[in-house]
Each structure stands twice: as structure tokens, then as C-alpha cells.
């Protein structure tokens, strides 16, 4: 999917192209996910990553994969 928006309290809003109402709530984001209020995005640093450059940003219009749990 494509990230439409990030929200500190709600999580990520994702589009599938034909369906724009996918929400990934905060409690289902990766356990180390962190919201960066200045950038307005969720980030996660992969386990074992030592460098800030390894941080993954869930930017608007960025591509993400997810699975349906409910």
C-alpha cells in the first residue's frame, strides 16, 4: 500500500489504490516504532541497527506492506 498520512494517536493511514480506508493502529505498528512530531512521520530502527541512517521512515506516499489482522 501507499502511506496517505501518519498520526501520533491513530497510527498510519494507507491506500491500496482502489481502497483508501486502511488504518494501521499504533498498537499494531512494529514494537520499536516511534512518532517524530517535527517530521509528522512514524519511524522504526531495525533490530541490531546501530546507525541513524538505518532508520526506516513511513513517509507520506511511501510504499509499505502490511497484513490484515481483523
PDB file of N, CA and C in Angstrom:
ATOM      1  N   UNK A   1       0.816  -1.181   0.000  1.00  0.00           N
ATOM      2  CA  UNK A   1       0.000   0.000   0.000  1.00  0.00           C
ATOM      3  C   UNK A   1       0.861   1.246   0.000  1.00  0.00           C
ATOM      4  N   UNK A   2       0.213   2.380  -0.058  1.00  0.00           N
ATOM      5  CA  UNK A   2       0.876   3.680  -0.059  1.00  0.00           C
ATOM      6  C   UNK A   2       0.433   4.466   1.167  1.00  0.00           C
ATOM      7  N   UNK A   3       1.382   4.996   1.924  1.00  0.00           N
ATOM      8  CA  UNK A   3       1.062   5.782   3.116  1.00  0.00           C
ATOM      9  C   UNK A   3       0.391   7.084   2.693  1.00  0.00           C
ATOM     10  N   UNK A   4      -0.797   7.330   3.234  1.00  0.00           N
ATOM     11  CA  UNK A   4      -1.508   8.577   2.972  1.00  0.00           C
ATOM     12  C   UNK A   4      -1.217   9.612   4.044  1.00  0.00           C
ATOM     13  N   UNK A   5      -1.121   9.154   5.302  1.00  0.00           N
ATOM     14  CA  UNK A   5      -0.909  10.070   6.417  1.00  0.00           C
ATOM     15  C   UNK A   5      -0.440   9.301   7.643  1.00  0.00           C
ATOM     16  N   UNK A   6       0.211  10.036   8.548  1.00  0.00           N
ATOM     17  CA  UNK A   6       0.651   9.491   9.832  1.00  0.00           C
ATOM     18  C   UNK A   6       0.028  10.324  10.936  1.00  0.00           C
ATOM     19  N   UNK A   7      -0.351   9.665  12.019  1.00  0.00           N
ATOM     20  CA  UNK A   7      -0.946  10.361  13.147  1.00  0.00           C
ATOM     21  C   UNK A   7      -0.392   9.764  14.433  1.00  0.00           C
ATOM     22  N   UNK A   8       0.002  10.622  15.370  1.00  0.00           N
ATOM     23  CA  UNK A   8       0.623  10.166  16.612  1.00  0.00           C
ATOM     24  C   UNK A   8      -0.304   9.270  17.427  1.00  0.00           C
ATOM     25  N   UNK A   9      -1.596   9.546  17.412  1.00  0.00           N
ATOM     26  CA  UNK A   9      -2.535   8.774  18.226  1.00  0.00           C
ATOM     27  C   UNK A   9      -3.210   7.646  17.459  1.00  0.00           C
ATOM     28  N   UNK A  10      -3.439   7.836  16.171  1.00  0.00           N
ATOM     29  CA  UNK A  10      -4.178   6.838  15.387  1.00  0.00           C
ATOM     30  C   UNK A  10      -3.269   5.821  14.714  1.00  0.00           C
ATOM     31  N   UNK A  11      -2.116   6.254  14.210  1.00  0.00           N
ATOM     32  CA  UNK A  11      -1.206   5.351  13.502  1.00  0.00           C
ATOM     33  C   UNK A  11      -1.008   5.776  12.065  1.00  0.00           C
ATOM     34  N   UNK A  12      -1.037   4.803  11.147  1.00  0.00           N
ATOM     35  CA  UNK A  12      -0.828   5.065   9.717  1.00  0.00           C
ATOM     36  C   UNK A  12      -2.128   4.882   8.949  1.00  0.00           C
ATOM     37  N   UNK A  13      -2.330   5.733   7.949  1.00  0.00           N
ATOM     38  CA  UNK A  13      -3.447   5.594   7.028  1.00  0.00           C
ATOM     39  C   UNK A  13      -2.861   5.220   5.676  1.00  0.00           C
ATOM     40  N   UNK A  14      -3.384   4.149   5.091  1.00  0.00           N
ATOM     41  CA  UNK A  14      -2.784   3.553   3.899  1.00  0.00           C
ATOM     42  C   UNK A  14      -3.829   3.393   2.797  1.00  0.00           C
ATOM     43  N   UNK A  15      -3.390   3.591   1.562  1.00  0.00           N
ATOM     44  CA  UNK A  15      -4.225   3.372   0.383  1.00  0.00           C
ATOM     45  C   UNK A  15      -3.755   2.127  -0.355  1.00  0.00           C
ATOM     46  N   UNK A  16      -4.709   1.392  -0.891  1.00  0.00           N
ATOM     47  CA  UNK A  16      -4.383   0.260  -1.753  1.00  0.00           C
ATOM     48  C   UNK A  16      -4.553   0.635  -3.228  1.00  0.00           C
ATOM     49  N   UNK A  17      -4.854   1.893  -3.484  1.00  0.00           N
ATOM     50  CA  UNK A  17      -5.104   2.348  -4.847  1.00  0.00           C
ATOM     51  C   UNK A  17      -6.587   2.320  -5.158  1.00  0.00           C
ATOM     52  N   UNK A  18      -7.229   1.200  -4.927  1.00  0.00           N
ATOM     53  CA  UNK A  18      -8.665   1.062  -5.163  1.00  0.00           C
ATOM     54  C   UNK A  18      -9.462   1.233  -3.875  1.00  0.00           C
ATOM     55  N   UNK A  19      -8.761   1.344  -2.744  1.00  0.00           N
ATOM     56  CA  UNK A  19      -9.396   1.436  -1.430  1.00  0.00           C
ATOM     57  C   UNK A  19      -8.490   2.265  -0.535  1.00  0.00           C
ATOM     58  N   UNK A  20      -9.018   3.393  -0.022  1.00  0.00           N
ATOM     59  CA  UNK A  20      -8.190   4.332   0.745  1.00  0.00           C
ATOM     60  C   UNK A  20      -8.449   4.318   2.246  1.00  0.00           C
ATOM     61  N   UNK A  21      -9.176   3.350   2.746  1.00  0.00           N
ATOM     62  CA  UNK A  21      -9.595   3.372   4.145  1.00  0.00           C
ATOM     63  C   UNK A  21      -8.875   2.368   5.036  1.00  0.00           C
ATOM     64  N   UNK A  22      -7.627   2.061   4.742  1.00  0.00           N
ATOM     65  CA  UNK A  22      -6.869   1.128   5.575  1.00  0.00           C
ATOM     66  C   UNK A  22      -6.180   1.917   6.683  1.00  0.00           C
ATOM     67  N   UNK A  23      -6.373   1.488   7.928  1.00  0.00           N
ATOM     68  CA  UNK A  23      -5.708   2.129   9.052  1.00  0.00           C
ATOM     69  C   UNK A  23      -4.885   1.084   9.796  1.00  0.00           C
ATOM     70  N   UNK A  24      -3.647   1.421  10.083  1.00  0.00           N
ATOM     71  CA  UNK A  24      -2.784   0.573  10.902  1.00  0.00           C
ATOM     72  C   UNK A  24      -2.666   1.276  12.253  1.00  0.00           C
ATOM     73  N   UNK A  25      -3.359   0.783  13.286  1.00  0.00           N
ATOM     74  CA  UNK A  25      -3.323   1.452  14.585  1.00  0.00           C
ATOM     75  C   UNK A  25      -1.945   1.352  15.238  1.00  0.00           C
ATOM     76  N   UNK A  26      -1.682   2.273  16.128  1.00  0.00           N
ATOM     77  CA  UNK A  26      -0.389   2.362  16.805  1.00  0.00           C
ATOM     78  C   UNK A  26       0.014   1.032  17.431  1.00  0.00           C
ATOM     79  N   UNK A  27      -0.933   0.339  18.067  1.00  0.00           N
ATOM     80  CA  UNK A  27      -0.578  -0.911  18.758  1.00  0.00           C
ATOM     81  C   UNK A  27      -0.215  -2.050  17.803  1.00  0.00           C
ATOM     82  N   UNK A  28      -0.455  -1.880  16.507  1.00  0.00           N
ATOM     83  CA  UNK A  28      -0.080  -2.907  15.536  1.00  0.00           C
ATOM     84  C   UNK A  28       1.123  -2.503  14.678  1.00  0.00           C
ATOM     85  N   UNK A  29       1.682  -1.336  14.948  1.00  0.00           N
ATOM     86  CA  UNK A  29       2.932  -0.947  14.295  1.00  0.00           C
ATOM     87  C   UNK A  29       4.066  -1.761  14.917  1.00  0.00           C
ATOM     88  N   UNK A  30       5.226  -1.830  14.270  1.00  0.00           N
ATOM     89  CA  UNK A  30       6.352  -2.550  14.888  1.00  0.00           C
ATOM     90  C   UNK A  30       6.603  -2.053  16.307  1.00  0.00           C
ATOM     91  N   UNK A  31       7.040  -2.952  17.189  1.00  0.00           N
ATOM     92  CA  UNK A  31       7.163  -2.624  18.619  1.00  0.00           C
ATOM     93  C   UNK A  31       8.093  -1.450  18.896  1.00  0.00           C
ATOM     94  N   UNK A  32       9.073  -1.210  18.051  1.00  0.00           N
ATOM     95  CA  UNK A  32      10.010  -0.105  18.256  1.00  0.00           C
ATOM     96  C   UNK A  32       9.636   1.147  17.470  1.00  0.00           C
ATOM     97  N   UNK A  33       8.435   1.184  16.907  1.00  0.00           N
ATOM     98  CA  UNK A  33       8.015   2.348  16.122  1.00  0.00           C
ATOM     99  C   UNK A  33       7.949   3.582  17.013  1.00  0.00           C
ATOM    100  N   UNK A  34       8.350   4.694  16.449  1.00  0.00           N
ATOM    101  CA  UNK A  34       8.371   5.961  17.183  1.00  0.00           C
ATOM    102  C   UNK A  34       7.826   7.058  16.279  1.00  0.00           C
ATOM    103  N   UNK A  35       6.937   7.890  16.830  1.00  0.00           N
ATOM    104  CA  UNK A  35       6.393   9.006  16.060  1.00  0.00           C
ATOM    105  C   UNK A  35       7.309  10.211  16.210  1.00  0.00           C
ATOM    106  N   UNK A  36       7.678  10.811  15.096  1.00  0.00           N
ATOM    107  CA  UNK A  36       8.533  12.007  15.084  1.00  0.00           C
ATOM    108  C   UNK A  36       7.645  13.213  14.796  1.00  0.00           C
ATOM    109  N   UNK A  37       7.252  13.958  15.833  1.00  0.00           N
ATOM    110  CA  UNK A  37       6.298  15.050  15.629  1.00  0.00           C
ATOM    111  C   UNK A  37       6.808  16.171  14.716  1.00  0.00           C
ATOM    112  N   UNK A  38       8.098  16.459  14.743  1.00  0.00           N
ATOM    113  CA  UNK A  38       8.609  17.527  13.878  1.00  0.00           C
ATOM    114  C   UNK A  38       8.479  17.169  12.402  1.00  0.00           C
ATOM    115  N   UNK A  39       8.671  15.882  12.081  1.00  0.00           N
ATOM    116  CA  UNK A  39       8.539  15.429  10.700  1.00  0.00           C
ATOM    117  C   UNK A  39       7.121  14.959  10.385  1.00  0.00           C
ATOM    118  N   UNK A  40       6.352  14.629  11.425  1.00  0.00           N
ATOM    119  CA  UNK A  40       4.997  14.132  11.230  1.00  0.00           C
ATOM    120  C   UNK A  40       4.949  12.739  10.641  1.00  0.00           C
ATOM    121  N   UNK A  41       5.938  11.895  10.996  1.00  0.00           N
ATOM    122  CA  UNK A  41       6.001  10.536  10.449  1.00  0.00           C
ATOM    123  C   UNK A  41       6.334   9.525  11.542  1.00  0.00           C
ATOM    124  N   UNK A  42       5.953   8.284  11.277  1.00  0.00           N
ATOM    125  CA  UNK A  42       6.366   7.164  12.114  1.00  0.00           C
ATOM    126  C   UNK A  42       7.686   6.638  11.591  1.00  0.00           C
ATOM    127  N   UNK A  43       8.549   6.201  12.508  1.00  0.00           N
ATOM    128  CA  UNK A  43       9.837   5.626  12.127  1.00  0.00           C
ATOM    129  C   UNK A  43      10.062   4.340  12.912  1.00  0.00           C
ATOM    130  N   UNK A  44      10.970   3.532  12.410  1.00  0.00           N
ATOM    131  CA  UNK A  44      11.391   2.332  13.138  1.00  0.00           C
ATOM    132  C   UNK A  44      12.838   2.055  12.758  1.00  0.00           C
ATOM    133  N   UNK A  45      13.616   1.704  13.756  1.00  0.00           N
ATOM    134  CA  UNK A  45      15.005   1.308  13.507  1.00  0.00           C
ATOM    135  C   UNK A  45      15.072  -0.208  13.637  1.00  0.00           C
ATOM    136  N   UNK A  46      15.484  -0.891  12.566  1.00  0.00           N
ATOM    137  CA  UNK A  46      15.538  -2.356  12.609  1.00  0.00           C
ATOM    138  C   UNK A  46      16.398  -2.857  13.772  1.00  0.00           C
ATOM    139  N   UNK A  47      16.005  -3.988  14.327  1.00  0.00           N
ATOM    140  CA  UNK A  47      16.756  -4.591  15.426  1.00  0.00           C
ATOM    141  C   UNK A  47      18.202  -4.807  15.005  1.00  0.00           C
ATOM    142  N   UNK A  48      19.122  -4.394  15.848  1.00  0.00           N
ATOM    143  CA  UNK A  48      20.542  -4.553  15.568  1.00  0.00           C
ATOM    144  C   UNK A  48      21.153  -3.400  14.786  1.00  0.00           C
ATOM    145  N   UNK A  49      20.322  -2.491  14.279  1.00  0.00           N
ATOM    146  CA  UNK A  49      20.850  -1.343  13.531  1.00  0.00           C
ATOM    147  C   UNK A  49      21.534  -0.396  14.503  1.00  0.00           C
ATOM    148  N   UNK A  50      22.719   0.022  14.154  1.00  0.00           N
ATOM    149  CA  UNK A  50      23.494   0.887  15.040  1.00  0.00           C
ATOM    150  C   UNK A  50      23.525   2.331  14.574  1.00  0.00           C
ATOM    151  N   UNK A  51      23.226   2.562  13.336  1.00  0.00           N
ATOM    152  CA  UNK A  51      23.381   3.883  12.751  1.00  0.00           C
ATOM    153  C   UNK A  51      22.021   4.525  12.497  1.00  0.00           C
ATOM    154  N   UNK A  52      21.927   5.827  12.717  1.00  0.00           N
ATOM    155  CA  UNK A  52      20.695   6.577  12.465  1.00  0.00           C
ATOM    156  C   UNK A  52      20.257   6.448  11.002  1.00  0.00           C
ATOM    157  N   UNK A  53      21.215   6.256  10.103  1.00  0.00           N
ATOM    158  CA  UNK A  53      20.901   6.115   8.675  1.00  0.00           C
ATOM    159  C   UNK A  53      20.092   4.856   8.382  1.00  0.00           C
ATOM    160  N   UNK A  54      20.068   3.911   9.312  1.00  0.00           N
ATOM    161  CA  UNK A  54      19.317   2.672   9.119  1.00  0.00           C
ATOM    162  C   UNK A  54      17.835   2.823   9.464  1.00  0.00           C
ATOM    163  N   UNK A  55      17.448   3.983   9.992  1.00  0.00           N
ATOM    164  CA  UNK A  55      16.068   4.225  10.382  1.00  0.00           C
ATOM    165  C   UNK A  55      15.157   4.200   9.158  1.00  0.00           C
ATOM    166  N   UNK A  56      14.027   3.512   9.288  1.00  0.00           N
ATOM    167  CA  UNK A  56      13.026   3.451   8.228  1.00  0.00           C
ATOM    168  C   UNK A  56      11.948   4.486   8.538  1.00  0.00           C
ATOM    169  N   UNK A  57      11.646   5.333   7.564  1.00  0.00           N
ATOM    170  CA  UNK A  57      10.624   6.367   7.707  1.00  0.00           C
ATOM    171  C   UNK A  57       9.379   5.951   6.936  1.00  0.00           C
ATOM    172  N   UNK A  58       8.234   6.000   7.596  1.00  0.00           N
ATOM    173  CA  UNK A  58       6.962   5.733   6.928  1.00  0.00           C
ATOM    174  C   UNK A  58       6.430   7.059   6.388  1.00  0.00           C
ATOM    175  N   UNK A  59       7.090   7.564   5.348  1.00  0.00           N
ATOM    176  CA  UNK A  59       6.748   8.857   4.750  1.00  0.00           C
ATOM    177  C   UNK A  59       5.435   8.789   3.985  1.00  0.00           C
ATOM    178  N   UNK A  60       4.749   9.950   3.897  1.00  0.00           N
ATOM    179  CA  UNK A  60       3.579  10.049   3.037  1.00  0.00           C
ATOM    180  C   UNK A  60       3.985   9.689   1.617  1.00  0.00           C
ATOM    181  N   UNK A  61       3.154   8.922   0.971  1.00  0.00           N
ATOM    182  CA  UNK A  61       3.357   8.417  -0.393  1.00  0.00           C
ATOM    183  C   UNK A  61       4.414   7.320  -0.467  1.00  0.00           C
ATOM    184  N   UNK A  62       4.972   6.921   0.682  1.00  0.00           N
ATOM    185  CA  UNK A  62       5.921   5.810   0.704  1.00  0.00           C
ATOM    186  C   UNK A  62       5.185   4.481   0.612  1.00  0.00           C
ATOM    187  N   UNK A  63       5.846   3.485   0.106  1.00  0.00           N
ATOM    188  CA  UNK A  63       5.262   2.150  -0.040  1.00  0.00           C
ATOM    189  C   UNK A  63       5.477   1.337   1.238  1.00  0.00           C
ATOM    190  N   UNK A  64       4.435   0.624   1.657  1.00  0.00           N
ATOM    191  CA  UNK A  64       4.505  -0.241   2.832  1.00  0.00           C
ATOM    192  C   UNK A  64       3.813  -1.569   2.530  1.00  0.00           C
ATOM    193  N   UNK A  65       4.205  -2.580   3.265  1.00  0.00           N
ATOM    194  CA  UNK A  65       3.477  -3.845   3.227  1.00  0.00           C
ATOM    195  C   UNK A  65       2.865  -4.058   4.602  1.00  0.00           C
ATOM    196  N   UNK A  66       1.739  -4.712   4.635  1.00  0.00           N
ATOM    197  CA  UNK A  66       1.056  -4.964   5.902  1.00  0.00           C
ATOM    198  C   UNK A  66       0.216  -6.218   5.738  1.00  0.00           C
ATOM    199  N   UNK A  67      -0.286  -6.699   6.870  1.00  0.00           N
ATOM    200  CA  UNK A  67      -1.197  -7.840   6.822  1.00  0.00           C
ATOM    201  C   UNK A  67      -2.455  -7.500   7.607  1.00  0.00           C
ATOM    202  N   UNK A  68      -3.535  -8.088   7.221  1.00  0.00           N
ATOM    203  CA  UNK A  68      -4.822  -7.863   7.869  1.00  0.00           C
ATOM    204  C   UNK A  68      -4.911  -8.780   9.082  1.00  0.00           C
ATOM    205  N   UNK A  69      -5.238  -8.187  10.239  1.00  0.00           N
ATOM    206  CA  UNK A  69      -5.357  -8.986  11.454  1.00  0.00           C
ATOM    207  C   UNK A  69      -6.789  -9.030  11.978  1.00  0.00           C
ATOM    208  N   UNK A  70      -7.641  -8.138  11.543  1.00  0.00           N
ATOM    209  CA  UNK A  70      -9.053  -8.132  11.981  1.00  0.00           C
ATOM    210  C   UNK A  70      -9.934  -7.844  10.799  1.00  0.00           C
TER     211      UNK A  70
END
